[in-house]
PDB file of N, CA and C in Angstrom:
ATOM      1  N   MET A   1      -1.789   0.795  12.460  1.00  0.00           N
ATOM      2  CA  MET A   1      -1.525   0.776  11.037  1.00  0.00           C
ATOM      3  C   MET A   1      -0.526   1.866  10.653  1.00  0.00           C
ATOM      4  N   TRP A   2      -0.238   2.749  11.573  1.00  0.00           N
ATOM      5  CA  TRP A   2       0.714   3.818  11.258  1.00  0.00           C
ATOM      6  C   TRP A   2       2.081   3.253  10.951  1.00  0.00           C
ATOM      7  N   GLU A   3       2.420   2.080  11.527  1.00  0.00           N
ATOM      8  CA  GLU A   3       3.741   1.500  11.302  1.00  0.00           C
ATOM      9  C   GLU A   3       3.972   1.197   9.828  1.00  0.00           C
ATOM     10  N   ILE A   4       2.968   0.617   9.179  1.00  0.00           N
ATOM     11  CA  ILE A   4       3.135   0.269   7.774  1.00  0.00           C
ATOM     12  C   ILE A   4       3.214   1.522   6.903  1.00  0.00           C
ATOM     13  N   ASN A   5       2.485   2.551   7.283  1.00  0.00           N
ATOM     14  CA  ASN A   5       2.570   3.807   6.537  1.00  0.00           C
ATOM     15  C   ASN A   5       3.942   4.450   6.702  1.00  0.00           C
ATOM     16  N   TYR A   6       4.472   4.383   7.905  1.00  0.00           N
ATOM     17  CA  TYR A   6       5.811   4.922   8.153  1.00  0.00           C
ATOM     18  C   TYR A   6       6.849   4.096   7.397  1.00  0.00           C
ATOM     19  N   ALA A   7       6.690   2.780   7.419  1.00  0.00           N
ATOM     20  CA  ALA A   7       7.624   1.913   6.686  1.00  0.00           C
ATOM     21  C   ALA A   7       7.592   2.232   5.195  1.00  0.00           C
ATOM     22  N   ARG A   8       6.415   2.475   4.657  1.00  0.00           N
ATOM     23  CA  ARG A   8       6.304   2.822   3.235  1.00  0.00           C
ATOM     24  C   ARG A   8       6.977   4.160   2.952  1.00  0.00           C
ATOM     25  N   GLN A   9       6.842   5.097   3.869  1.00  0.00           N
ATOM     26  CA  GLN A   9       7.502   6.388   3.688  1.00  0.00           C
ATOM     27  C   GLN A   9       9.014   6.201   3.639  1.00  0.00           C
ATOM     28  N   VAL A  10       9.540   5.409   4.557  1.00  0.00           N
ATOM     29  CA  VAL A  10      10.978   5.131   4.569  1.00  0.00           C
ATOM     30  C   VAL A  10      11.377   4.414   3.278  1.00  0.00           C
ATOM     31  N   PHE A  11      10.578   3.430   2.873  1.00  0.00           N
ATOM     32  CA  PHE A  11      10.833   2.693   1.632  1.00  0.00           C
ATOM     33  C   PHE A  11      10.885   3.652   0.442  1.00  0.00           C
ATOM     34  N   ASN A  12       9.927   4.548   0.353  1.00  0.00           N
ATOM     35  CA  ASN A  12       9.863   5.504  -0.757  1.00  0.00           C
ATOM     36  C   ASN A  12      11.067   6.443  -0.779  1.00  0.00           C
ATOM     37  N   GLU A  13      11.620   6.735   0.396  1.00  0.00           N
ATOM     38  CA  GLU A  13      12.747   7.657   0.484  1.00  0.00           C
ATOM     39  C   GLU A  13      14.095   6.974   0.316  1.00  0.00           C
ATOM     40  N   MET A  14      14.086   5.640   0.225  1.00  0.00           N
ATOM     41  CA  MET A  14      15.354   4.919   0.078  1.00  0.00           C
ATOM     42  C   MET A  14      16.007   5.267  -1.253  1.00  0.00           C
ATOM     43  N   PHE A  15      17.299   5.528  -1.191  1.00  0.00           N
ATOM     44  CA  PHE A  15      18.046   5.837  -2.408  1.00  0.00           C
ATOM     45  C   PHE A  15      18.149   4.595  -3.295  1.00  0.00           C
ATOM     46  N   GLU A  16      18.403   3.478  -2.673  1.00  0.00           N
ATOM     47  CA  GLU A  16      18.530   2.227  -3.418  1.00  0.00           C
ATOM     48  C   GLU A  16      17.788   1.129  -2.661  1.00  0.00           C
ATOM     49  N   ARG A  17      16.928   0.415  -3.361  1.00  0.00           N
ATOM     50  CA  ARG A  17      16.157  -0.677  -2.749  1.00  0.00           C
ATOM     51  C   ARG A  17      16.727  -2.000  -3.226  1.00  0.00           C
ATOM     52  N   ASN A  18      16.777  -2.949  -2.299  1.00  0.00           N
ATOM     53  CA  ASN A  18      17.221  -4.290  -2.672  1.00  0.00           C
ATOM     54  C   ASN A  18      16.072  -5.269  -2.465  1.00  0.00           C
ATOM     55  N   VAL A  19      16.326  -6.529  -2.741  1.00  0.00           N
ATOM     56  CA  VAL A  19      15.262  -7.531  -2.668  1.00  0.00           C
ATOM     57  C   VAL A  19      14.681  -7.636  -1.256  1.00  0.00           C
ATOM     58  N   VAL A  20      15.494  -7.407  -0.254  1.00  0.00           N
ATOM     59  CA  VAL A  20      15.011  -7.492   1.131  1.00  0.00           C
ATOM     60  C   VAL A  20      14.006  -6.374   1.420  1.00  0.00           C
ATOM     61  N   SER A  21      14.306  -5.162   0.980  1.00  0.00           N
ATOM     62  CA  SER A  21      13.376  -4.062   1.230  1.00  0.00           C
ATOM     63  C   SER A  21      12.076  -4.260   0.449  1.00  0.00           C
ATOM     64  N   TRP A  22      12.181  -4.722  -0.806  1.00  0.00           N
ATOM     65  CA  TRP A  22      10.969  -4.998  -1.591  1.00  0.00           C
ATOM     66  C   TRP A  22      10.143  -6.099  -0.920  1.00  0.00           C
ATOM     67  N   PHE A  23      10.806  -7.189  -0.534  1.00  0.00           N
ATOM     68  CA  PHE A  23      10.095  -8.300   0.101  1.00  0.00           C
ATOM     69  C   PHE A  23       9.425  -7.851   1.395  1.00  0.00           C
ATOM     70  N   ALA A  24      10.137  -7.075   2.194  1.00  0.00           N
ATOM     71  CA  ALA A  24       9.582  -6.631   3.478  1.00  0.00           C
ATOM     72  C   ALA A  24       8.274  -5.860   3.274  1.00  0.00           C
ATOM     73  N   MET A  25       8.272  -4.933   2.332  1.00  0.00           N
ATOM     74  CA  MET A  25       7.062  -4.137   2.113  1.00  0.00           C
ATOM     75  C   MET A  25       5.941  -4.968   1.496  1.00  0.00           C
ATOM     76  N   ILE A  26       6.260  -5.764   0.492  1.00  0.00           N
ATOM     77  CA  ILE A  26       5.226  -6.564  -0.181  1.00  0.00           C
ATOM     78  C   ILE A  26       4.605  -7.563   0.781  1.00  0.00           C
ATOM     79  N   SER A  27       5.449  -8.270   1.534  1.00  0.00           N
ATOM     80  CA  SER A  27       4.904  -9.275   2.465  1.00  0.00           C
ATOM     81  C   SER A  27       4.155  -8.617   3.619  1.00  0.00           C
ATOM     82  N   TRP A  28       4.620  -7.466   4.076  1.00  0.00           N
ATOM     83  CA  TRP A  28       3.932  -6.771   5.154  1.00  0.00           C
ATOM     84  C   TRP A  28       2.553  -6.324   4.690  1.00  0.00           C
ATOM     85  N   TYR A  29       2.476  -5.776   3.497  1.00  0.00           N
ATOM     86  CA  TYR A  29       1.167  -5.411   2.967  1.00  0.00           C
ATOM     87  C   TYR A  29       0.246  -6.629   2.888  1.00  0.00           C
ATOM     88  N   ASP A  30       0.766  -7.727   2.353  1.00  0.00           N
ATOM     89  CA  ASP A  30      -0.060  -8.929   2.215  1.00  0.00           C
ATOM     90  C   ASP A  30      -0.544  -9.420   3.574  1.00  0.00           C
ATOM     91  N   GLN A  31       0.342  -9.485   4.538  1.00  0.00           N
ATOM     92  CA  GLN A  31      -0.018  -9.986   5.867  1.00  0.00           C
ATOM     93  C   GLN A  31      -0.920  -9.025   6.629  1.00  0.00           C
ATOM     94  N   ALA A  32      -0.868  -7.753   6.282  1.00  0.00           N
ATOM     95  CA  ALA A  32      -1.712  -6.751   6.951  1.00  0.00           C
ATOM     96  C   ALA A  32      -3.088  -6.634   6.303  1.00  0.00           C
ATOM     97  N   GLY A  33      -3.367  -7.482   5.318  1.00  0.00           N
ATOM     98  CA  GLY A  33      -4.666  -7.433   4.654  1.00  0.00           C
ATOM     99  C   GLY A  33      -4.769  -6.333   3.613  1.00  0.00           C
ATOM    100  N   ARG A  34      -3.636  -5.841   3.173  1.00  0.00           N
ATOM    101  CA  ARG A  34      -3.611  -4.790   2.156  1.00  0.00           C
ATOM    102  C   ARG A  34      -3.025  -5.359   0.856  1.00  0.00           C
ATOM    103  N   ALA A  35      -3.702  -6.390   0.367  1.00  0.00           N
ATOM    104  CA  ALA A  35      -3.216  -7.139  -0.790  1.00  0.00           C
ATOM    105  C   ALA A  35      -3.073  -6.266  -2.029  1.00  0.00           C
ATOM    106  N   LEU A  36      -3.994  -5.337  -2.214  1.00  0.00           N
ATOM    107  CA  LEU A  36      -3.901  -4.474  -3.391  1.00  0.00           C
ATOM    108  C   LEU A  36      -2.612  -3.661  -3.373  1.00  0.00           C
ATOM    109  N   ASN A  37      -2.227  -3.167  -2.195  1.00  0.00           N
ATOM    110  CA  ASN A  37      -0.967  -2.437  -2.085  1.00  0.00           C
ATOM    111  C   ASN A  37       0.220  -3.336  -2.424  1.00  0.00           C
ATOM    112  N   ALA A  38       0.157  -4.588  -1.998  1.00  0.00           N
ATOM    113  CA  ALA A  38       1.238  -5.538  -2.298  1.00  0.00           C
ATOM    114  C   ALA A  38       1.375  -5.744  -3.800  1.00  0.00           C
ATOM    115  N   VAL A  39       0.262  -5.949  -4.475  1.00  0.00           N
ATOM    116  CA  VAL A  39       0.282  -6.186  -5.923  1.00  0.00           C
ATOM    117  C   VAL A  39       0.746  -4.926  -6.659  1.00  0.00           C
ATOM    118  N   GLN A  40       0.271  -3.779  -6.238  1.00  0.00           N
ATOM    119  CA  GLN A  40       0.687  -2.527  -6.876  1.00  0.00           C
ATOM    120  C   GLN A  40       2.184  -2.281  -6.700  1.00  0.00           C
ATOM    121  N   LEU A  41       2.684  -2.575  -5.515  1.00  0.00           N
ATOM    122  CA  LEU A  41       4.110  -2.373  -5.268  1.00  0.00           C
ATOM    123  C   LEU A  41       4.942  -3.347  -6.100  1.00  0.00           C
ATOM    124  N   PHE A  42       4.506  -4.594  -6.184  1.00  0.00           N
ATOM    125  CA  PHE A  42       5.219  -5.580  -6.998  1.00  0.00           C
ATOM    126  C   PHE A  42       5.291  -5.122  -8.450  1.00  0.00           C
ATOM    127  N   SER A  43       4.238  -4.502  -8.942  1.00  0.00           N
ATOM    128  CA  SER A  43       4.220  -4.065 -10.340  1.00  0.00           C
ATOM    129  C   SER A  43       5.247  -2.948 -10.597  1.00  0.00           C
ATOM    130  N   ARG A  44       5.679  -2.271  -9.558  1.00  0.00           N
ATOM    131  CA  ARG A  44       6.701  -1.234  -9.690  1.00  0.00           C
ATOM    132  C   ARG A  44       8.119  -1.793  -9.614  1.00  0.00           C
ATOM    133  N   MET A  45       8.222  -3.037  -9.173  1.00  0.00           N
ATOM    134  CA  MET A  45       9.535  -3.658  -8.987  1.00  0.00           C
ATOM    135  C   MET A  45      10.052  -4.212 -10.311  1.00  0.00           C
ATOM    136  N   LYS A  46      11.344  -4.117 -10.525  1.00  0.00           N
ATOM    137  CA  LYS A  46      11.948  -4.788 -11.677  1.00  0.00           C
ATOM    138  C   LYS A  46      11.900  -6.274 -11.386  1.00  0.00           C
ATOM    139  N   VAL A  47      11.192  -7.011 -12.235  1.00  0.00           N
ATOM    140  CA  VAL A  47      10.906  -8.417 -11.935  1.00  0.00           C
ATOM    141  C   VAL A  47      12.180  -9.241 -11.754  1.00  0.00           C
ATOM    142  N   GLU A  48      13.242  -8.871 -12.435  1.00  0.00           N
ATOM    143  CA  GLU A  48      14.485  -9.628 -12.277  1.00  0.00           C
ATOM    144  C   GLU A  48      15.120  -9.418 -10.907  1.00  0.00           C
ATOM    145  N   GLN A  49      14.646  -8.434 -10.146  1.00  0.00           N
ATOM    146  CA  GLN A  49      15.109  -8.224  -8.778  1.00  0.00           C
ATOM    147  C   GLN A  49      14.403  -9.149  -7.792  1.00  0.00           C
ATOM    148  N   ALA A  50      13.275  -9.697  -8.190  1.00  0.00           N
ATOM    149  CA  ALA A  50      12.463 -10.513  -7.278  1.00  0.00           C
ATOM    150  C   ALA A  50      13.132 -11.859  -7.017  1.00  0.00           C
ATOM    151  N   ASN A  51      12.809 -12.414  -5.873  1.00  0.00           N
ATOM    152  CA  ASN A  51      13.238 -13.780  -5.566  1.00  0.00           C
ATOM    153  C   ASN A  51      12.005 -14.608  -5.231  1.00  0.00           C
ATOM    154  N   GLU A  52      12.222 -15.842  -4.825  1.00  0.00           N
ATOM    155  CA  GLU A  52      11.109 -16.750  -4.576  1.00  0.00           C
ATOM    156  C   GLU A  52      10.197 -16.261  -3.460  1.00  0.00           C
ATOM    157  N   PHE A  53      10.745 -15.562  -2.474  1.00  0.00           N
ATOM    158  CA  PHE A  53       9.940 -15.061  -1.366  1.00  0.00           C
ATOM    159  C   PHE A  53       8.998 -13.952  -1.826  1.00  0.00           C
ATOM    160  N   VAL A  54       9.508 -13.090  -2.696  1.00  0.00           N
ATOM    161  CA  VAL A  54       8.681 -12.007  -3.241  1.00  0.00           C
ATOM    162  C   VAL A  54       7.555 -12.583  -4.089  1.00  0.00           C
ATOM    163  N   PHE A  55       7.891 -13.558  -4.938  1.00  0.00           N
ATOM    164  CA  PHE A  55       6.861 -14.169  -5.779  1.00  0.00           C
ATOM    165  C   PHE A  55       5.779 -14.830  -4.933  1.00  0.00           C
ATOM    166  N   ALA A  56       6.167 -15.586  -3.915  1.00  0.00           N
ATOM    167  CA  ALA A  56       5.177 -16.266  -3.072  1.00  0.00           C
ATOM    168  C   ALA A  56       4.264 -15.264  -2.373  1.00  0.00           C
ATOM    169  N   SER A  57       4.826 -14.170  -1.877  1.00  0.00           N
ATOM    170  CA  SER A  57       4.017 -13.158  -1.194  1.00  0.00           C
ATOM    171  C   SER A  57       3.053 -12.476  -2.155  1.00  0.00           C
ATOM    172  N   ASP A  58       3.529 -12.176  -3.359  1.00  0.00           N
ATOM    173  CA  ASP A  58       2.653 -11.479  -4.287  1.00  0.00           C
ATOM    174  C   ASP A  58       1.562 -12.396  -4.828  1.00  0.00           C
ATOM    175  N   VAL A  59       1.874 -13.651  -5.037  1.00  0.00           N
ATOM    176  CA  VAL A  59       0.842 -14.607  -5.459  1.00  0.00           C
ATOM    177  C   VAL A  59      -0.207 -14.748  -4.359  1.00  0.00           C
ATOM    178  N   SER A  60       0.234 -14.754  -3.109  1.00  0.00           N
ATOM    179  CA  SER A  60      -0.704 -14.802  -1.978  1.00  0.00           C
ATOM    180  C   SER A  60      -1.625 -13.587  -1.990  1.00  0.00           C
ATOM    181  N   ALA A  61      -1.069 -12.417  -2.296  1.00  0.00           N
ATOM    182  CA  ALA A  61      -1.888 -11.206  -2.383  1.00  0.00           C
ATOM    183  C   ALA A  61      -2.907 -11.333  -3.516  1.00  0.00           C
ATOM    184  N   CYS A  62      -2.489 -11.899  -4.643  1.00  0.00           N
ATOM    185  CA  CYS A  62      -3.420 -12.113  -5.761  1.00  0.00           C
ATOM    186  C   CYS A  62      -4.559 -13.045  -5.350  1.00  0.00           C
ATOM    187  N   ALA A  63      -4.232 -14.060  -4.560  1.00  0.00           N
ATOM    188  CA  ALA A  63      -5.264 -14.982  -4.079  1.00  0.00           C
ATOM    189  C   ALA A  63      -6.284 -14.237  -3.227  1.00  0.00           C
ATOM    190  N   SER A  64      -5.809 -13.358  -2.363  1.00  0.00           N
ATOM    191  CA  SER A  64      -6.714 -12.585  -1.506  1.00  0.00           C
ATOM    192  C   SER A  64      -7.646 -11.698  -2.323  1.00  0.00           C
ATOM    193  N   LEU A  65      -7.143 -11.196  -3.431  1.00  0.00           N
ATOM    194  CA  LEU A  65      -7.922 -10.308  -4.290  1.00  0.00           C
ATOM    195  C   LEU A  65      -8.744 -11.043  -5.345  1.00  0.00           C
ATOM    196  N   HIS A  66      -8.537 -12.355  -5.459  1.00  0.00           N
ATOM    197  CA  HIS A  66      -9.128 -13.146  -6.535  1.00  0.00           C
ATOM    198  C   HIS A  66      -8.725 -12.567  -7.894  1.00  0.00           C
ATOM    199  N   ALA A  67      -7.498 -12.095  -7.965  1.00  0.00           N
ATOM    200  CA  ALA A  67      -6.965 -11.456  -9.174  1.00  0.00           C
ATOM    201  C   ALA A  67      -6.219 -12.493 -10.008  1.00  0.00           C
ATOM    202  N   VAL A  68      -6.984 -13.379 -10.623  1.00  0.00           N
ATOM    203  CA  VAL A  68      -6.367 -14.490 -11.346  1.00  0.00           C
ATOM    204  C   VAL A  68      -5.564 -14.028 -12.559  1.00  0.00           C
ATOM    205  N   ASP A  69      -5.987 -12.986 -13.234  1.00  0.00           N
ATOM    206  CA  ASP A  69      -5.238 -12.516 -14.402  1.00  0.00           C
ATOM    207  C   ASP A  69      -3.861 -11.994 -14.004  1.00  0.00           C
ATOM    208  N   VAL A  70      -3.812 -11.231 -12.938  1.00  0.00           N
ATOM    209  CA  VAL A  70      -2.526 -10.744 -12.435  1.00  0.00           C
ATOM    210  C   VAL A  70      -1.700 -11.924 -11.931  1.00  0.00           C
ATOM    211  N   GLY A  71      -2.348 -12.839 -11.236  1.00  0.00           N
ATOM    212  CA  GLY A  71      -1.661 -14.028 -10.727  1.00  0.00           C
ATOM    213  C   GLY A  71      -1.069 -14.882 -11.831  1.00  0.00           C
ATOM    214  N   LYS A  72      -1.771 -15.008 -12.934  1.00  0.00           N
ATOM    215  CA  LYS A  72      -1.253 -15.776 -14.071  1.00  0.00           C
ATOM    216  C   LYS A  72      -0.023 -15.094 -14.675  1.00  0.00           C
ATOM    217  N   ARG A  73      -0.040 -13.784 -14.716  1.00  0.00           N
ATOM    218  CA  ARG A  73       1.130 -13.054 -15.221  1.00  0.00           C
ATOM    219  C   ARG A  73       2.336 -13.275 -14.304  1.00  0.00           C
ATOM    220  N   ILE A  74       2.091 -13.214 -13.012  1.00  0.00           N
ATOM    221  CA  ILE A  74       3.164 -13.439 -12.042  1.00  0.00           C
ATOM    222  C   ILE A  74       3.641 -14.885 -12.120  1.00  0.00           C
ATOM    223  N   HIS A  75       2.710 -15.805 -12.313  1.00  0.00           N
ATOM    224  CA  HIS A  75       3.071 -17.208 -12.497  1.00  0.00           C
ATOM    225  C   HIS A  75       4.017 -17.346 -13.686  1.00  0.00           C
ATOM    226  N   SER A  76       3.677 -16.725 -14.800  1.00  0.00           N
ATOM    227  CA  SER A  76       4.530 -16.784 -15.994  1.00  0.00           C
ATOM    228  C   SER A  76       5.922 -16.227 -15.714  1.00  0.00           C
ATOM    229  N   GLN A  77       5.973 -15.122 -15.005  1.00  0.00           N
ATOM    230  CA  GLN A  77       7.270 -14.534 -14.665  1.00  0.00           C
ATOM    231  C   GLN A  77       8.076 -15.463 -13.764  1.00  0.00           C
ATOM    232  N   SER A  78       7.399 -16.133 -12.837  1.00  0.00           N
ATOM    233  CA  SER A  78       8.110 -17.045 -11.936  1.00  0.00           C
ATOM    234  C   SER A  78       8.647 -18.266 -12.688  1.00  0.00           C
ATOM    235  N   VAL A  79       7.934 -18.686 -13.730  1.00  0.00           N
ATOM    236  CA  VAL A  79       8.422 -19.793 -14.563  1.00  0.00           C
ATOM    237  C   VAL A  79       9.686 -19.367 -15.306  1.00  0.00           C
ATOM    238  N   VAL A  80       9.637 -18.191 -15.925  1.00  0.00           N
ATOM    239  CA  VAL A  80      10.785 -17.689 -16.691  1.00  0.00           C
ATOM    240  C   VAL A  80      12.017 -17.559 -15.802  1.00  0.00           C
ATOM    241  N   LEU A  81      11.830 -17.083 -14.587  1.00  0.00           N
ATOM    242  CA  LEU A  81      12.956 -16.871 -13.679  1.00  0.00           C
ATOM    243  C   LEU A  81      13.331 -18.114 -12.873  1.00  0.00           C
ATOM    244  N   GLY A  82      12.569 -19.196 -13.031  1.00  0.00           N
ATOM    245  CA  GLY A  82      12.907 -20.449 -12.379  1.00  0.00           C
ATOM    246  C   GLY A  82      12.428 -20.611 -10.955  1.00  0.00           C
ATOM    247  N   TYR A  83      11.469 -19.802 -10.523  1.00  0.00           N
ATOM    248  CA  TYR A  83      10.977 -19.886  -9.149  1.00  0.00           C
ATOM    249  C   TYR A  83       9.684 -20.688  -9.006  1.00  0.00           C
ATOM    250  N   ALA A  84       9.033 -21.006 -10.090  1.00  0.00           N
ATOM    251  CA  ALA A  84       7.736 -21.686 -10.008  1.00  0.00           C
ATOM    252  C   ALA A  84       7.844 -23.067  -9.391  1.00  0.00           C
ATOM    253  N   ASP A  85       9.011 -23.693  -9.471  1.00  0.00           N
ATOM    254  CA  ASP A  85       9.193 -25.028  -8.916  1.00  0.00           C
ATOM    255  C   ASP A  85       9.620 -25.028  -7.454  1.00  0.00           C
ATOM    256  N   VAL A  86       9.852 -23.861  -6.885  1.00  0.00           N
ATOM    257  CA  VAL A  86      10.176 -23.774  -5.463  1.00  0.00           C
ATOM    258  C   VAL A  86       8.901 -24.114  -4.698  1.00  0.00           C
ATOM    259  N   SER A  87       9.021 -24.996  -3.721  1.00  0.00           N
ATOM    260  CA  SER A  87       7.831 -25.562  -3.068  1.00  0.00           C
ATOM    261  C   SER A  87       6.855 -24.511  -2.563  1.00  0.00           C
ATOM    262  N   PHE A  88       7.317 -23.491  -1.863  1.00  0.00           N
ATOM    263  CA  PHE A  88       6.368 -22.527  -1.306  1.00  0.00           C
ATOM    264  C   PHE A  88       5.804 -21.590  -2.368  1.00  0.00           C
ATOM    265  N   VAL A  89       6.505 -21.412  -3.480  1.00  0.00           N
ATOM    266  CA  VAL A  89       5.932 -20.634  -4.579  1.00  0.00           C
ATOM    267  C   VAL A  89       4.839 -21.452  -5.255  1.00  0.00           C
ATOM    268  N   SER A  90       5.123 -22.723  -5.526  1.00  0.00           N
ATOM    269  CA  SER A  90       4.094 -23.563  -6.160  1.00  0.00           C
ATOM    270  C   SER A  90       2.897 -23.746  -5.233  1.00  0.00           C
ATOM    271  N   ASN A  91       3.124 -23.838  -3.927  1.00  0.00           N
ATOM    272  CA  ASN A  91       1.996 -23.921  -2.981  1.00  0.00           C
ATOM    273  C   ASN A  91       1.147 -22.652  -3.036  1.00  0.00           C
ATOM    274  N   SER A  92       1.799 -21.497  -3.132  1.00  0.00           N
ATOM    275  CA  SER A  92       1.059 -20.238  -3.248  1.00  0.00           C
ATOM    276  C   SER A  92       0.278 -20.192  -4.549  1.00  0.00           C
ATOM    277  N   LEU A  93       0.870 -20.697  -5.625  1.00  0.00           N
ATOM    278  CA  LEU A  93       0.181 -20.728  -6.913  1.00  0.00           C
ATOM    279  C   LEU A  93      -1.044 -21.633  -6.860  1.00  0.00           C
ATOM    280  N   VAL A  94      -0.890 -22.809  -6.276  1.00  0.00           N
ATOM    281  CA  VAL A  94      -2.027 -23.731  -6.147  1.00  0.00           C
ATOM    282  C   VAL A  94      -3.133 -23.070  -5.339  1.00  0.00           C
ATOM    283  N   SER A  95      -2.786 -22.451  -4.220  1.00  0.00           N
ATOM    284  CA  SER A  95      -3.785 -21.779  -3.382  1.00  0.00           C
ATOM    285  C   SER A  95      -4.476 -20.655  -4.134  1.00  0.00           C
ATOM    286  N   MET A  96      -3.701 -19.868  -4.884  1.00  0.00           N
ATOM    287  CA  MET A  96      -4.288 -18.764  -5.636  1.00  0.00           C
ATOM    288  C   MET A  96      -5.277 -19.277  -6.666  1.00  0.00           C
ATOM    289  N   TYR A  97      -4.864 -20.284  -7.430  1.00  0.00           N
ATOM    290  CA  TYR A  97      -5.766 -20.815  -8.451  1.00  0.00           C
ATOM    291  C   TYR A  97      -7.021 -21.419  -7.821  1.00  0.00           C
ATOM    292  N   MET A  98      -6.884 -22.106  -6.713  1.00  0.00           N
ATOM    293  CA  MET A  98      -8.060 -22.683  -6.042  1.00  0.00           C
ATOM    294  C   MET A  98      -8.976 -21.578  -5.512  1.00  0.00           C
ATOM    295  N   ASN A  99      -8.399 -20.544  -4.893  1.00  0.00           N
ATOM    296  CA  ASN A  99      -9.214 -19.426  -4.390  1.00  0.00           C
ATOM    297  C   ASN A  99      -9.955 -18.716  -5.508  1.00  0.00           C
ATOM    298  N   CYS A 100      -9.404 -18.765  -6.702  1.00  0.00           N
ATOM    299  CA  CYS A 100     -10.021 -18.096  -7.853  1.00  0.00           C
ATOM    300  C   CYS A 100     -10.907 -19.039  -8.660  1.00  0.00           C
ATOM    301  N   GLY A 101     -11.102 -20.265  -8.162  1.00  0.00           N
ATOM    302  CA  GLY A 101     -11.974 -21.218  -8.839  1.00  0.00           C
ATOM    303  C   GLY A 101     -11.359 -21.834 -10.089  1.00  0.00           C
ATOM    304  N   ARG A 102     -10.065 -21.794 -10.200  1.00  0.00           N
ATOM    305  CA  ARG A 102      -9.370 -22.330 -11.369  1.00  0.00           C
ATOM    306  C   ARG A 102      -8.716 -23.660 -11.001  1.00  0.00           C
ATOM    307  N   CYS A 103      -9.553 -24.659 -10.764  1.00  0.00           N
ATOM    308  CA  CYS A 103      -9.087 -25.960 -10.281  1.00  0.00           C
ATOM    309  C   CYS A 103      -8.138 -26.647 -11.262  1.00  0.00           C
ATOM    310  N   SER A 104      -8.404 -26.545 -12.551  1.00  0.00           N
ATOM    311  CA  SER A 104      -7.528 -27.209 -13.529  1.00  0.00           C
ATOM    312  C   SER A 104      -6.140 -26.566 -13.537  1.00  0.00           C
ATOM    313  N   ASP A 105      -6.069 -25.250 -13.372  1.00  0.00           N
ATOM    314  CA  ASP A 105      -4.765 -24.588 -13.289  1.00  0.00           C
ATOM    315  C   ASP A 105      -4.040 -24.996 -12.010  1.00  0.00           C
ATOM    316  N   ALA A 106      -4.777 -25.091 -10.908  1.00  0.00           N
ATOM    317  CA  ALA A 106      -4.183 -25.531  -9.656  1.00  0.00           C
ATOM    318  C   ALA A 106      -3.630 -26.940  -9.772  1.00  0.00           C
ATOM    319  N   LEU A 107      -4.398 -27.812 -10.394  1.00  0.00           N
ATOM    320  CA  LEU A 107      -3.936 -29.194 -10.583  1.00  0.00           C
ATOM    321  C   LEU A 107      -2.705 -29.237 -11.471  1.00  0.00           C
ATOM    322  N   SER A 108      -2.687 -28.427 -12.502  1.00  0.00           N
ATOM    323  CA  SER A 108      -1.543 -28.373 -13.410  1.00  0.00           C
ATOM    324  C   SER A 108      -0.268 -27.959 -12.661  1.00  0.00           C
ATOM    325  N   VAL A 109      -0.365 -26.941 -11.821  1.00  0.00           N
ATOM    326  CA  VAL A 109       0.787 -26.498 -11.028  1.00  0.00           C
ATOM    327  C   VAL A 109       1.205 -27.603 -10.062  1.00  0.00           C
ATOM    328  N   PHE A 110       0.225 -28.217  -9.416  1.00  0.00           N
ATOM    329  CA  PHE A 110       0.520 -29.288  -8.459  1.00  0.00           C
ATOM    330  C   PHE A 110       1.217 -30.445  -9.156  1.00  0.00           C
ATOM    331  N   MET A 111       0.719 -30.844 -10.299  1.00  0.00           N
ATOM    332  CA  MET A 111       1.301 -31.981 -11.020  1.00  0.00           C
ATOM    333  C   MET A 111       2.711 -31.649 -11.515  1.00  0.00           C
ATOM    334  N   SER A 112       2.918 -30.446 -11.988  1.00  0.00           N
ATOM    335  CA  SER A 112       4.255 -30.098 -12.486  1.00  0.00           C
ATOM    336  C   SER A 112       5.265 -29.956 -11.346  1.00  0.00           C
ATOM    337  N   SER A 113       4.807 -29.563 -10.170  1.00  0.00           N
ATOM    338  CA  SER A 113       5.724 -29.441  -9.039  1.00  0.00           C
ATOM    339  C   SER A 113       5.987 -30.793  -8.369  1.00  0.00           C
ATOM    340  N   SER A 114       5.171 -31.780  -8.669  1.00  0.00           N
ATOM    341  CA  SER A 114       5.339 -33.116  -8.093  1.00  0.00           C
ATOM    342  C   SER A 114       6.319 -33.964  -8.889  1.00  0.00           C
ATOM    343  N   GLU A 115       6.684 -33.500 -10.067  1.00  0.00           N
ATOM    344  CA  GLU A 115       7.565 -34.288 -10.922  1.00  0.00           C
ATOM    345  C   GLU A 115       8.997 -34.209 -10.501  1.00  0.00           C
TER     346      GLU A 115
END
């Protein structure tokens, strides 16, 4: 686990971060089972810097945490920025809503992405 801590140290010391560096840290946290760190880091990011990969990773982290309120906020942001219709983002949204017991929200996302 020292690798992720070292990566975070390097990330924190970066003079300028781009979408790749944000995505790398957020997705690494999510995949390492540190979903809370992923969500916290996303909240520090300027949302207009995010892309579809960042949104999908952070929604996945919300699913792991059963953090439906945070997930709904991220869902709203992804709609505004036009990423909610990207297949893997909508799949992450459906999974998050299902993991949180929000079947009607999951169906709504599924139906809107099927159109």
